[in-house]
Amino acid sequence: MTPITEKGTILYVEDNADNRTLVRRILLSENYRLLEATDAHHALKLLETATPDLILMDINMPDMDGYTLTAKIRAMPGFEHIPILALTANVMRGDKEKTLQAGCDGYIQKPIDFDELLTEVEKFLARRTNA
């Protein structure tokens, strides 16, 4: 029997436990390795010792929002080209553009559509392996 290999490591930054549980189930069922951070400070601590292949970023978090955290990550040596996908309930006109201008590479609206999430994750990870 062939062992199941991981498709890549994803850091998910999300303060809402229910959202983390949902995304965890989706990604683990597809053989991704998942690192989870409950806030921006926790994410920065994890990034001291881990280099994920992709980051899923909640935008609305206490203390430091996803826009600010994205800018901090982009400024870290070695993290400039890691894809960052925003998972956000910010769906008003201009929110997608603001998210992309802040340094995110993609934008997924909440509530999360399972198929869209997996499609976007696979698309950005494929770019990494084909680069």
Foldseek 3Di string as FASTA:
>chain_A
DDDDAALWEEEEEAQDPVVVVVVCVLRVVVRHHYHYHNHLVSVVVVVVPDDTQAYEAEADDPPHGRLRSLLVQCPDPPRVPRAYEYEYQPDDPPPQVSSVVSPHPYYAYPVGDSVVVVVVVVVSSVVVVVD
